[in-house]
Amino acid sequence: MTKTKKTLIELTGQQSQLIVEIADFAEILHWGRPVNGDLSHFRSALHRPVPYGRLDNDVAMTLSPELGRGVFSSPGVEGHRESLGWAPVLVVQYIERSDNGLRIESEDKQAGLHLTTELCLDEYDVVKTRHTLTNTKQGVYHVTRLANTLPLPARANELMTYYGRWVHEFQTARQPLLQGGYQQENRRGRTSHEHYPALVVGTQHFDEMQGDVWGFHFAWSGNHRLRVDVKADGRRYMQAEVIYLPGEIALQQGESLTTPWLYASYSHAGLNGMSHQFHSHVRHAILPSDFMQKPRPIHLNTWEGIYFDHDPDYIMSMASEAAAMGVERFIIDDGWFKGRNGDKAGLGDWFLDREKYPNGLEPVVAHVNKLGMEFGLWFEPEMINKDSDLYRAHPNWLLAVDGYDQPTGRNQYVIDLQNDEAFNFLFERLDHFLNTYNIAYIKWDMNREIVQPAHLGKAAAYLQVERYYQLVDKVRAKHPQVDIESCAAGGGRIDFEILKRTQRFWASDNNDALERQTIQRGMSYFFPPEVMGSHIGASHCHSTRRRHSIEFRGLTALFGHMGIELDPVKEELLEKQGFERYVRLHKMLRQLLHTGRTWRIPADDKAHQIHAVVSQDQSEAVVMMAQLTMPTHSLSGHLRVPGLDSNALYRISVLDKPENYDDIVNYQPPWTESGCELSGAWCAEVGLTMPILDAETALLIKFERISD
């Protein structure tokens, strides 16, 4: 519809509502719980005063704040046309309304710019928004910044952010949001281990169960900036944007630039409520429709078992052992291709190493398939070693600035995907293997950060990510039946945009069960368990040198897309029996774990971490009580389980416990031995006395509804 003088539009989900005012600009007046009434009455209730000492007019917090309107905070658009057009004022020209969204067309004829803003609120209470900026005037418009902006209410005064590093991803931190603001930047060329592109803002002391929270995720697999600002007048807003390098975005007349999607969700029920909404959105709006119809196969990955030491006969014996344990997908990791005997050579030469595999790969694939398992293979398409035939033939394929030395990462460099010849070569090699062998899965890795991202001398970090998406898209289009895992030295490339093209994330290179407890918890705020790769590693962890029992490793891996990563041939009988037990347990619970509602349950003692999944129909639930460190007190408190049917009766039993469970106390709570029956209301409000556990152990509890 054509814009009128002032229009109020509401977008309503199940638990939240947006009220948007459209005038010469678009401004969100309300984002929170749904309200009823005549929208025309709301405007006067929200009309702001204009104080002395400021501009004489009210300055709106629009979906794209503009310097030219008197915004003194971070603008939504920054750029220039040979030093002109640097303070645009984009005036709304047209609005298109759909069932759950708006498309707003704005224009500045003098600056020669057109802005299309898309704003949607779906049935899962997830907001998504993005901008498209078009140069409508002759000459080049140089874009410095193009940011997505969403407002926050004044009561949003506490912030939860992410930090981390390799083998220590998805760590969270809290801080007050009173004055000034917060900004995080990632310039590493991928989503990053250090700054997962998400944050949560909420009312003071919000937690898993209570408080108003607004969660944000920027769906981009490259350089990004997130910020939350408190303006001098007390208003708050959040911005998310791609970091464009100098000179990177130069729009000719008629050319456009579109931001990645910013996803956001409001919940009045704390962090769990927010997660339920994001998980539902991922399951129904991001993952392919047939994803849930096939159970996620249990993996065995060879990496920590054999590293680069490949012998086909031995690998087939590993596959036989894996199948005996109930594994459903067998993956050969790094080391299978030409010249790859370590991490200093071979990347780029995507041809089978005939010295290691003199009879080809087919005997291994056939053996794996005969055992009833799918076969998977590791690739790192974007990377190249200088010690490779590919580099010797095409040294100009590097993503680099000519004339400068570039630091390596894992002894490797990055291929310039904007080079069509290089792009086509990589697709041809992937296509060859997927056509030649019965490959059901690719582990797509990226083991270094990007330095000097240049194409033909010009900055090209943004287009490198776009070409990466195009390469994955081309593989998916040709081979839609093949699952792809996004891995970047573990959790370095995890976001909603790449999830549209992949089926699994490798959450971390760290298989230490204690570290995985916090990594997986941090990841669970935005991602459901079925996309989170989680493996049982060897008892002696390769990343941390810690040792953990099979029970702790098995239960930790249970709550994700489960796998095993070790050499099963060399494992002792008790370990093999343990692997088989947890594989069997995961299969028994897989439907519940991968379709149910995740609950992170607050514990009275920070030494505990409690994680639950409740089925959508509330007929069953499973709870893991993990003892991370020594208990603070001699008694462990009570376990209260939310999400059950308060009117139903549940049978409660222990499914798995530490080997020394009965040896560390005089006696444990009787219900852990004989079970008990309690109502859902009792479980939520009163709970059960928790047992005493040693540090770095866990207990698994099942709840089954027996009557309504």
Foldseek 3Di string as FASTA:
>chain_A
DWDDQKDWDKFDADAWIWIWIAHQFIATQDIGGDDDDDPVVVPVVRDDDDDPPADPDDQGPGQFHFVLSPDPDDGQWAWAFVNHLGTFRWTWTDWDDDNFWIWTWTDGVVSQKIKIKIWGQDNLQKIKIKIKIARADAGKIFTQWHKGKDWDDLQQFKKKFFAAAAQQALFIDIDTRDAFKDKDKDAQLFCFRGGNQKMKTWGPPFAQFATKIKIKHFFATGIKMWMWHQDPVRIIMIIITHRADPPADMHGNGDMDMTTMMMMGIDRGGLLSLLSSLAVCCQPPQADPCLLVDFQFAEEEACAAQNQDAALVLLLVLLVLCLVLPGAEYEYEPNQFDPGNDLQADAPRLHGHCVRVVPDCAVSQVSNVVSNHAYEYEHALFKHACRYPVCVVCVVQFQAAPPDDDDDFSRITTGQLVPVVSLVVSLVSVVVVVVPGRHQEYEHEAAGTHDNRDDPRHHHSPVSRVSVVVSLVVVCVVPVRHAYEYYYQACTHDGSVVSSRHQAYRQHPWLQLLSLLSSVVSVSSNHAQARYEHEQEAQQTPPPRHGADLQSSLVSQLLHSYYYYHRSVPDDPVSSVSSSVSSVVSVVCSSQSRAFRKRFFDFPWPQWTKIKTAHPVLQKMKMKIARAAATPDPFRDFQADPDHDQAFKKWKEWDDFDPCQQPPDVGWPPCHPVTDIDGNVCSHPPGGGDTHDHHSIMTMMMIGTDGD
